[in-house]
Protein backbone atom coordinates (compact mmCIF):
# COMPACT_ATOMS: atom_id res chain seq x y z
CA MET A 1 66.19 -17.69 -101.05
CA SER A 2 65.20 -15.58 -104.01
CA LYS A 3 64.11 -17.25 -107.22
CA TYR A 4 66.58 -15.00 -109.06
CA GLN A 5 70.27 -15.78 -108.99
CA LYS A 6 72.69 -13.02 -108.19
CA ALA A 7 75.17 -12.04 -110.87
CA LYS A 8 78.65 -13.38 -110.42
CA PRO A 9 81.25 -10.77 -109.55
CA ASP A 10 83.43 -9.57 -112.41
CA ASP A 11 86.61 -11.67 -112.26
CA ARG A 12 89.15 -10.11 -114.61
CA SER A 13 92.17 -11.76 -113.04
CA ASP A 14 92.95 -13.99 -116.03
CA ASN A 15 91.57 -11.93 -118.90
CA VAL A 16 95.04 -11.01 -120.21
CA GLU A 17 96.04 -14.67 -120.44
CA LYS A 18 92.77 -15.64 -122.13
CA LEU A 19 93.11 -12.82 -124.65
CA GLN A 20 96.72 -13.75 -125.37
CA ALA A 21 95.68 -17.35 -125.99
CA THR A 22 92.98 -16.14 -128.36
CA VAL A 23 95.52 -14.01 -130.26
CA HIS A 24 97.89 -16.98 -130.50
CA ASN A 25 95.15 -19.29 -131.79
CA THR A 26 93.96 -16.72 -134.31
CA LEU A 27 97.49 -16.23 -135.65
CA GLU A 28 97.83 -19.99 -136.03
CA ASN A 29 94.54 -20.06 -137.94
CA ILE A 30 95.82 -17.32 -140.26
CA GLU A 31 98.99 -19.31 -140.96
CA ALA A 32 97.07 -22.52 -141.58
CA ALA A 33 94.69 -20.75 -143.94
CA GLU A 34 97.58 -19.18 -145.85
CA GLU A 35 99.11 -22.63 -146.32
CA THR A 36 95.93 -23.79 -148.03
CA LEU A 37 96.02 -20.93 -150.56
CA ALA A 38 98.35 -22.88 -152.87
CA PHE A 39 95.73 -25.61 -153.22
CA SER A 40 92.68 -23.39 -153.50
CA SER A 41 90.63 -22.19 -156.42
CA PRO A 42 90.59 -18.44 -157.13
CA GLU A 43 87.15 -18.22 -155.52
CA GLU A 44 88.33 -20.02 -152.37
CA LYS A 45 91.47 -17.87 -152.26
CA ALA A 46 89.38 -14.72 -152.21
CA LYS A 47 87.27 -16.08 -149.34
CA ILE A 48 90.35 -17.16 -147.37
CA GLN A 49 92.05 -13.81 -147.86
CA ALA A 50 88.92 -11.94 -146.79
CA LYS A 51 88.59 -14.09 -143.69
CA ASN A 52 92.26 -13.62 -142.84
CA ASN A 53 91.84 -9.87 -143.17
CA ARG A 54 88.99 -10.02 -140.67
CA ARG A 55 91.14 -12.17 -138.39
CA LYS A 56 93.99 -9.64 -138.57
CA GLU A 57 91.59 -6.84 -137.64
CA ALA A 58 90.35 -8.93 -134.74
CA VAL A 59 93.92 -9.50 -133.56
CA GLU A 60 94.53 -5.75 -133.55
CA GLY A 61 91.43 -5.24 -131.43
CA LEU A 62 92.42 -8.05 -129.07
CA ARG A 63 95.88 -6.54 -128.61
CA GLU A 64 94.29 -3.23 -127.64
CA GLU A 65 92.06 -5.05 -125.19
CA ILE A 66 95.12 -6.81 -123.73
CA LYS A 67 96.70 -3.41 -123.12
CA ASP A 68 93.53 -2.18 -121.42
CA GLU A 69 93.28 -5.28 -119.24
CA ALA A 70 96.96 -5.10 -118.29
CA ALA A 71 96.55 -1.45 -117.31
CA HIS A 72 93.46 -2.33 -115.26
CA ARG A 73 95.40 -5.10 -113.52
CA GLU A 74 98.10 -2.64 -112.48
CA GLN A 75 95.60 -0.32 -110.78
């Protein structure tokens, strides 16, 4: 047996579900962060809003990836 392990085959069978779970969790994090805005200092509010903007951009990218994975699954 070789001292090098062979790469595992690419298993994309559950990528759509994993990506959807990630989107769901990220949206929950956005909501939770927005709830804390009322109790935050102006400095903290700016940080939270910036982070939520990054999260929203990530969600957009994840949704595109879900479309790609779903299309790949149909092939």
